[in-house]
C-alpha atoms as a PDB file:
ATOM      1  CA  UNK A   1     -22.288  13.089  -2.805  1.00  0.00           C
ATOM      2  CA  UNK A   2     -19.402  11.631  -5.242  1.00  0.00           C
ATOM      3  CA  UNK A   3     -19.823   8.195  -6.706  1.00  0.00           C
ATOM      4  CA  UNK A   4     -16.474   6.913  -7.616  1.00  0.00           C
ATOM      5  CA  UNK A   5     -16.011   3.856  -9.860  1.00  0.00           C
ATOM      6  CA  UNK A   6     -14.716   1.136  -7.775  1.00  0.00           C
ATOM      7  CA  UNK A   7     -14.772  -2.592  -8.747  1.00  0.00           C
ATOM      8  CA  UNK A   8     -17.769  -4.136  -6.850  1.00  0.00           C
ATOM      9  CA  UNK A   9     -17.559  -7.807  -7.516  1.00  0.00           C
ATOM     10  CA  UNK A  10     -17.123  -9.993  -4.441  1.00  0.00           C
ATOM     11  CA  UNK A  11     -13.782 -11.629  -3.635  1.00  0.00           C
ATOM     12  CA  UNK A  12     -11.057 -11.184  -6.142  1.00  0.00           C
ATOM     13  CA  UNK A  13      -7.350  -9.871  -5.969  1.00  0.00           C
ATOM     14  CA  UNK A  14      -6.620  -6.277  -6.056  1.00  0.00           C
ATOM     15  CA  UNK A  15      -3.533  -4.142  -6.585  1.00  0.00           C
ATOM     16  CA  UNK A  16      -3.433  -0.864  -4.446  1.00  0.00           C
ATOM     17  CA  UNK A  17      -1.621   2.501  -4.039  1.00  0.00           C
ATOM     18  CA  UNK A  18      -1.994   4.474  -1.001  1.00  0.00           C
ATOM     19  CA  UNK A  19      -0.291   7.831  -0.437  1.00  0.00           C
ATOM     20  CA  UNK A  20       0.511  10.049   2.353  1.00  0.00           C
ATOM     21  CA  UNK A  21      -0.916  13.606   2.464  1.00  0.00           C
ATOM     22  CA  UNK A  22       1.449  15.679   0.750  1.00  0.00           C
ATOM     23  CA  UNK A  23       3.895  12.963   0.177  1.00  0.00           C
ATOM     24  CA  UNK A  24       5.078  13.445   3.688  1.00  0.00           C
ATOM     25  CA  UNK A  25       7.866  10.572   4.134  1.00  0.00           C
ATOM     26  CA  UNK A  26       6.115   9.156   7.342  1.00  0.00           C
ATOM     27  CA  UNK A  27       7.583   5.651   6.755  1.00  0.00           C
ATOM     28  CA  UNK A  28      10.987   6.875   7.001  1.00  0.00           C
ATOM     29  CA  UNK A  29      10.432   6.391  10.848  1.00  0.00           C
ATOM     30  CA  UNK A  30      10.503   2.815  12.447  1.00  0.00           C
ATOM     31  CA  UNK A  31       7.564   3.695  14.643  1.00  0.00           C
ATOM     32  CA  UNK A  32       5.388   4.655  11.864  1.00  0.00           C
ATOM     33  CA  UNK A  33       6.261   1.463  10.266  1.00  0.00           C
ATOM     34  CA  UNK A  34       5.410  -0.513  13.341  1.00  0.00           C
ATOM     35  CA  UNK A  35       2.064   1.576  13.736  1.00  0.00           C
ATOM     36  CA  UNK A  36       1.071   0.573  10.249  1.00  0.00           C
ATOM     37  CA  UNK A  37       1.893  -3.183  10.740  1.00  0.00           C
ATOM     38  CA  UNK A  38      -0.289  -3.226  13.863  1.00  0.00           C
ATOM     39  CA  UNK A  39      -3.213  -1.540  12.135  1.00  0.00           C
ATOM     40  CA  UNK A  40      -3.196  -3.861   9.237  1.00  0.00           C
ATOM     41  CA  UNK A  41      -2.825  -7.026  11.741  1.00  0.00           C
ATOM     42  CA  UNK A  42      -5.857  -5.555  13.591  1.00  0.00           C
ATOM     43  CA  UNK A  43      -8.108  -5.249  10.655  1.00  0.00           C
ATOM     44  CA  UNK A  44      -7.174  -8.574   9.184  1.00  0.00           C
ATOM     45  CA  UNK A  45      -8.515 -10.184  12.507  1.00  0.00           C
ATOM     46  CA  UNK A  46     -12.112  -8.789  11.860  1.00  0.00           C
ATOM     47  CA  UNK A  47     -12.145  -8.387   8.242  1.00  0.00           C
ATOM     48  CA  UNK A  48      -9.518 -10.996   6.775  1.00  0.00           C
ATOM     49  CA  UNK A  49      -7.766 -10.567   3.554  1.00  0.00           C
ATOM     50  CA  UNK A  50      -4.504 -12.237   2.234  1.00  0.00           C
ATOM     51  CA  UNK A  51      -1.450  -9.958   1.560  1.00  0.00           C
ATOM     52  CA  UNK A  52       0.076 -11.374  -1.635  1.00  0.00           C
ATOM     53  CA  UNK A  53       2.629  -8.569  -1.943  1.00  0.00           C
ATOM     54  CA  UNK A  54       3.502  -5.269  -0.359  1.00  0.00           C
ATOM     55  CA  UNK A  55       6.311  -2.701  -0.622  1.00  0.00           C
ATOM     56  CA  UNK A  56       6.488   0.436   1.634  1.00  0.00           C
ATOM     57  CA  UNK A  57       8.270   3.499   0.503  1.00  0.00           C
ATOM     58  CA  UNK A  58       8.885   6.624   2.435  1.00  0.00           C
ATOM     59  CA  UNK A  59       5.601   8.344   1.272  1.00  0.00           C
ATOM     60  CA  UNK A  60       3.494   5.716  -0.186  1.00  0.00           C
ATOM     61  CA  UNK A  61       2.771   2.086  -0.445  1.00  0.00           C
ATOM     62  CA  UNK A  62       1.852  -0.569  -2.929  1.00  0.00           C
ATOM     63  CA  UNK A  63       0.271  -4.135  -1.997  1.00  0.00           C
ATOM     64  CA  UNK A  64      -1.703  -6.819  -3.619  1.00  0.00           C
ATOM     65  CA  UNK A  65      -4.587  -8.256  -1.587  1.00  0.00           C
ATOM     66  CA  UNK A  66      -6.772 -11.101  -1.961  1.00  0.00           C
ATOM     67  CA  UNK A  67     -10.272 -10.910  -0.391  1.00  0.00           C
ATOM     68  CA  UNK A  68     -12.314 -13.852   0.797  1.00  0.00           C
ATOM     69  CA  UNK A  69     -15.042 -15.123  -1.576  1.00  0.00           C
ATOM     70  CA  UNK A  70     -18.122 -13.070  -1.328  1.00  0.00           C
ATOM     71  CA  UNK A  71     -16.423 -10.210   0.190  1.00  0.00           C
ATOM     72  CA  UNK A  72     -15.684  -7.067  -1.641  1.00  0.00           C
ATOM     73  CA  UNK A  73     -15.196  -4.291   0.897  1.00  0.00           C
ATOM     74  CA  UNK A  74     -11.681  -3.342   0.589  1.00  0.00           C
ATOM     75  CA  UNK A  75     -12.750   0.385   1.084  1.00  0.00           C
ATOM     76  CA  UNK A  76     -13.795  -0.539   4.801  1.00  0.00           C
ATOM     77  CA  UNK A  77     -10.402  -2.116   5.188  1.00  0.00           C
ATOM     78  CA  UNK A  78      -8.500   0.741   4.095  1.00  0.00           C
ATOM     79  CA  UNK A  79     -10.557   3.205   6.274  1.00  0.00           C
ATOM     80  CA  UNK A  80      -9.969   1.017   9.269  1.00  0.00           C
ATOM     81  CA  UNK A  81      -6.302   0.671   8.545  1.00  0.00           C
ATOM     82  CA  UNK A  82      -5.876   4.573   7.886  1.00  0.00           C
ATOM     83  CA  UNK A  83      -7.672   5.394  10.922  1.00  0.00           C
ATOM     84  CA  UNK A  84      -5.865   3.017  13.061  1.00  0.00           C
ATOM     85  CA  UNK A  85      -2.482   4.261  11.977  1.00  0.00           C
ATOM     86  CA  UNK A  86      -3.591   7.949  12.448  1.00  0.00           C
ATOM     87  CA  UNK A  87      -4.835   7.219  15.986  1.00  0.00           C
ATOM     88  CA  UNK A  88      -1.438   5.744  17.141  1.00  0.00           C
ATOM     89  CA  UNK A  89       0.437   8.441  15.119  1.00  0.00           C
ATOM     90  CA  UNK A  90      -1.720  11.119  16.775  1.00  0.00           C
ATOM     91  CA  UNK A  91      -1.100   9.775  20.452  1.00  0.00           C
ATOM     92  CA  UNK A  92       2.598   9.695  19.703  1.00  0.00           C
ATOM     93  CA  UNK A  93       2.675  13.432  18.661  1.00  0.00           C
ATOM     94  CA  UNK A  94       0.452  14.539  21.549  1.00  0.00           C
ATOM     95  CA  UNK A  95      -0.550  17.442  19.514  1.00  0.00           C
ATOM     96  CA  UNK A  96      -3.270  18.761  17.156  1.00  0.00           C
ATOM     97  CA  UNK A  97      -2.583  18.665  13.504  1.00  0.00           C
ATOM     98  CA  UNK A  98      -3.338  21.530  11.238  1.00  0.00           C
ATOM     99  CA  UNK A  99      -6.447  20.282   9.719  1.00  0.00           C
ATOM    100  CA  UNK A 100      -8.417  22.304   6.822  1.00  0.00           C
ATOM    101  CA  UNK A 101     -12.060  22.724   6.755  1.00  0.00           C
ATOM    102  CA  UNK A 102     -12.652  20.010   3.991  1.00  0.00           C
ATOM    103  CA  UNK A 103     -10.741  17.606   6.136  1.00  0.00           C
ATOM    104  CA  UNK A 104     -12.494  18.489   9.384  1.00  0.00           C
ATOM    105  CA  UNK A 105     -15.806  18.050   7.698  1.00  0.00           C
ATOM    106  CA  UNK A 106     -15.081  14.468   6.366  1.00  0.00           C
ATOM    107  CA  UNK A 107     -13.332  13.618   9.858  1.00  0.00           C
ATOM    108  CA  UNK A 108     -10.106  13.078   8.305  1.00  0.00           C
ATOM    109  CA  UNK A 109      -6.469  13.688   9.883  1.00  0.00           C
ATOM    110  CA  UNK A 110      -3.773  15.038   7.732  1.00  0.00           C
ATOM    111  CA  UNK A 111      -1.775  11.855   7.355  1.00  0.00           C
ATOM    112  CA  UNK A 112      -3.007  10.454   4.031  1.00  0.00           C
ATOM    113  CA  UNK A 113      -4.339  11.457   0.816  1.00  0.00           C
ATOM    114  CA  UNK A 114      -8.231  11.346   0.901  1.00  0.00           C
ATOM    115  CA  UNK A 115      -8.429   8.261  -1.580  1.00  0.00           C
ATOM    116  CA  UNK A 116      -6.582   5.466  -2.731  1.00  0.00           C
ATOM    117  CA  UNK A 117      -5.986   3.763  -6.151  1.00  0.00           C
ATOM    118  CA  UNK A 118      -7.173   0.327  -6.771  1.00  0.00           C
ATOM    119  CA  UNK A 119      -7.051  -2.072  -9.791  1.00  0.00           C
ATOM    120  CA  UNK A 120      -8.754  -5.521  -9.917  1.00  0.00           C
ATOM    121  CA  UNK A 121      -6.366  -8.142 -11.103  1.00  0.00           C
ATOM    122  CA  UNK A 122      -7.756  -9.669 -14.365  1.00  0.00           C
ATOM    123  CA  UNK A 123      -5.432 -12.640 -14.984  1.00  0.00           C
ATOM    124  CA  UNK A 124      -2.218 -14.212 -14.197  1.00  0.00           C
ATOM    125  CA  UNK A 125      -0.214 -12.071 -16.636  1.00  0.00           C
ATOM    126  CA  UNK A 126      -1.833  -9.080 -14.969  1.00  0.00           C
ATOM    127  CA  UNK A 127      -0.910 -10.264 -11.614  1.00  0.00           C
ATOM    128  CA  UNK A 128       2.576 -10.811 -12.440  1.00  0.00           C
ATOM    129  CA  UNK A 129       2.982  -7.333 -14.107  1.00  0.00           C
ATOM    130  CA  UNK A 130       1.617  -5.854 -11.018  1.00  0.00           C
ATOM    131  CA  UNK A 131       3.779  -8.089  -8.634  1.00  0.00           C
ATOM    132  CA  UNK A 132       6.899  -7.119 -10.446  1.00  0.00           C
ATOM    133  CA  UNK A 133       5.947  -3.538 -10.647  1.00  0.00           C
ATOM    134  CA  UNK A 134       5.314  -3.616  -6.909  1.00  0.00           C
ATOM    135  CA  UNK A 135       8.844  -5.038  -5.924  1.00  0.00           C
ATOM    136  CA  UNK A 136      10.464  -2.935  -8.442  1.00  0.00           C
ATOM    137  CA  UNK A 137       9.315   0.336  -7.227  1.00  0.00           C
ATOM    138  CA  UNK A 138      12.104   1.195  -4.735  1.00  0.00           C
ATOM    139  CA  UNK A 139      14.639   0.862  -7.771  1.00  0.00           C
ATOM    140  CA  UNK A 140      12.241   2.990  -9.829  1.00  0.00           C
ATOM    141  CA  UNK A 141      12.111   5.793  -7.300  1.00  0.00           C
ATOM    142  CA  UNK A 142      15.975   5.676  -6.846  1.00  0.00           C
ATOM    143  CA  UNK A 143      16.005   4.604  -3.271  1.00  0.00           C
ATOM    144  CA  UNK A 144      18.313   1.545  -4.046  1.00  0.00           C
ATOM    145  CA  UNK A 145      20.381   0.169  -7.033  1.00  0.00           C
ATOM    146  CA  UNK A 146      18.958  -3.404  -6.743  1.00  0.00           C
ATOM    147  CA  UNK A 147      15.383  -4.704  -5.423  1.00  0.00           C
ATOM    148  CA  UNK A 148      17.056  -6.975  -2.820  1.00  0.00           C
ATOM    149  CA  UNK A 149      18.773  -3.953  -1.070  1.00  0.00           C
ATOM    150  CA  UNK A 150      15.189  -2.483  -0.108  1.00  0.00           C
ATOM    151  CA  UNK A 151      14.175  -3.923   3.368  1.00  0.00           C
ATOM    152  CA  UNK A 152      10.396  -3.028   3.420  1.00  0.00           C
ATOM    153  CA  UNK A 153       9.315  -5.441   0.861  1.00  0.00           C
ATOM    154  CA  UNK A 154       7.746  -8.769   0.505  1.00  0.00           C
ATOM    155  CA  UNK A 155      10.431  -9.345  -1.930  1.00  0.00           C
ATOM    156  CA  UNK A 156      12.874 -11.121   0.519  1.00  0.00           C
ATOM    157  CA  UNK A 157       9.836 -13.559   1.427  1.00  0.00           C
ATOM    158  CA  UNK A 158       9.525 -14.214  -2.347  1.00  0.00           C
ATOM    159  CA  UNK A 159      13.025 -15.022  -2.432  1.00  0.00           C
ATOM    160  CA  UNK A 160      12.721 -17.572   0.290  1.00  0.00           C
ATOM    161  CA  UNK A 161       9.865 -19.174  -1.506  1.00  0.00           C
ATOM    162  CA  UNK A 162      11.514 -19.405  -4.873  1.00  0.00           C
ATOM    163  CA  UNK A 163       9.110 -17.007  -6.526  1.00  0.00           C
ATOM    164  CA  UNK A 164      12.363 -14.594  -7.504  1.00  0.00           C
ATOM    165  CA  UNK A 165      15.935 -15.274  -7.666  1.00  0.00           C
ATOM    166  CA  UNK A 166      17.906 -13.257  -5.175  1.00  0.00           C
ATOM    167  CA  UNK A 167      19.438 -10.882  -7.763  1.00  0.00           C
ATOM    168  CA  UNK A 168      16.073 -10.144  -9.621  1.00  0.00           C
ATOM    169  CA  UNK A 169      15.434  -6.460 -10.471  1.00  0.00           C
ATOM    170  CA  UNK A 170      18.733  -4.770 -10.777  1.00  0.00           C
ATOM    171  CA  UNK A 171      18.948  -1.462 -12.775  1.00  0.00           C
ATOM    172  CA  UNK A 172      19.063  -3.449 -15.959  1.00  0.00           C
ATOM    173  CA  UNK A 173      15.414  -4.306 -15.335  1.00  0.00           C
ATOM    174  CA  UNK A 174      13.466  -1.750 -17.295  1.00  0.00           C
ATOM    175  CA  UNK A 175      10.005  -0.365 -16.542  1.00  0.00           C
ATOM    176  CA  UNK A 176       8.195   2.302 -18.176  1.00  0.00           C
ATOM    177  CA  UNK A 177       7.690   5.613 -16.174  1.00  0.00           C
ATOM    178  CA  UNK A 178       4.271   5.915 -17.321  1.00  0.00           C
ATOM    179  CA  UNK A 179       2.675   2.513 -16.802  1.00  0.00           C
ATOM    180  CA  UNK A 180      -0.516   3.300 -15.353  1.00  0.00           C
ATOM    181  CA  UNK A 181      -0.066   1.859 -12.066  1.00  0.00           C
ATOM    182  CA  UNK A 182      -1.378   4.649  -9.962  1.00  0.00           C
ATOM    183  CA  UNK A 183       1.606   6.794  -8.707  1.00  0.00           C
END
């Protein structure tokens, strides 16, 4: 069995990147976004966490979570979110997906990449860098010209809270292509 190096310190704030299998653009569909929201809400009831920031792109998402003190099990949360989403999506399609032997062995659907990328936030500068990167991501991928034009992001809530000015992150805002944020 593989032993992946994951941060095991209880509590804390983490940046995540989660990608669909073969980068399928699942989240272009309104119903898929609804299923994901429902799965996250259901998991948060039994396994609480705070969503600090979130952006949903057609084939991947980034988010920043803070776990409760003494709790380190973000892997369980992601497993439950992915499973809940997959169950709802399978019900909708009413069909068997084409699943390879390895995925069948690990009881996986073909909607998600097997793993996710996580980074423990170290300090306020690290938090702000990941927070900005996450919100700027739709511009970086050429989906919109301005951050404010992407509807599937916590950016709009951040503007209402005064965290960002409304016009933040136009094309003039520069982020490096190879920034190590897990895409």
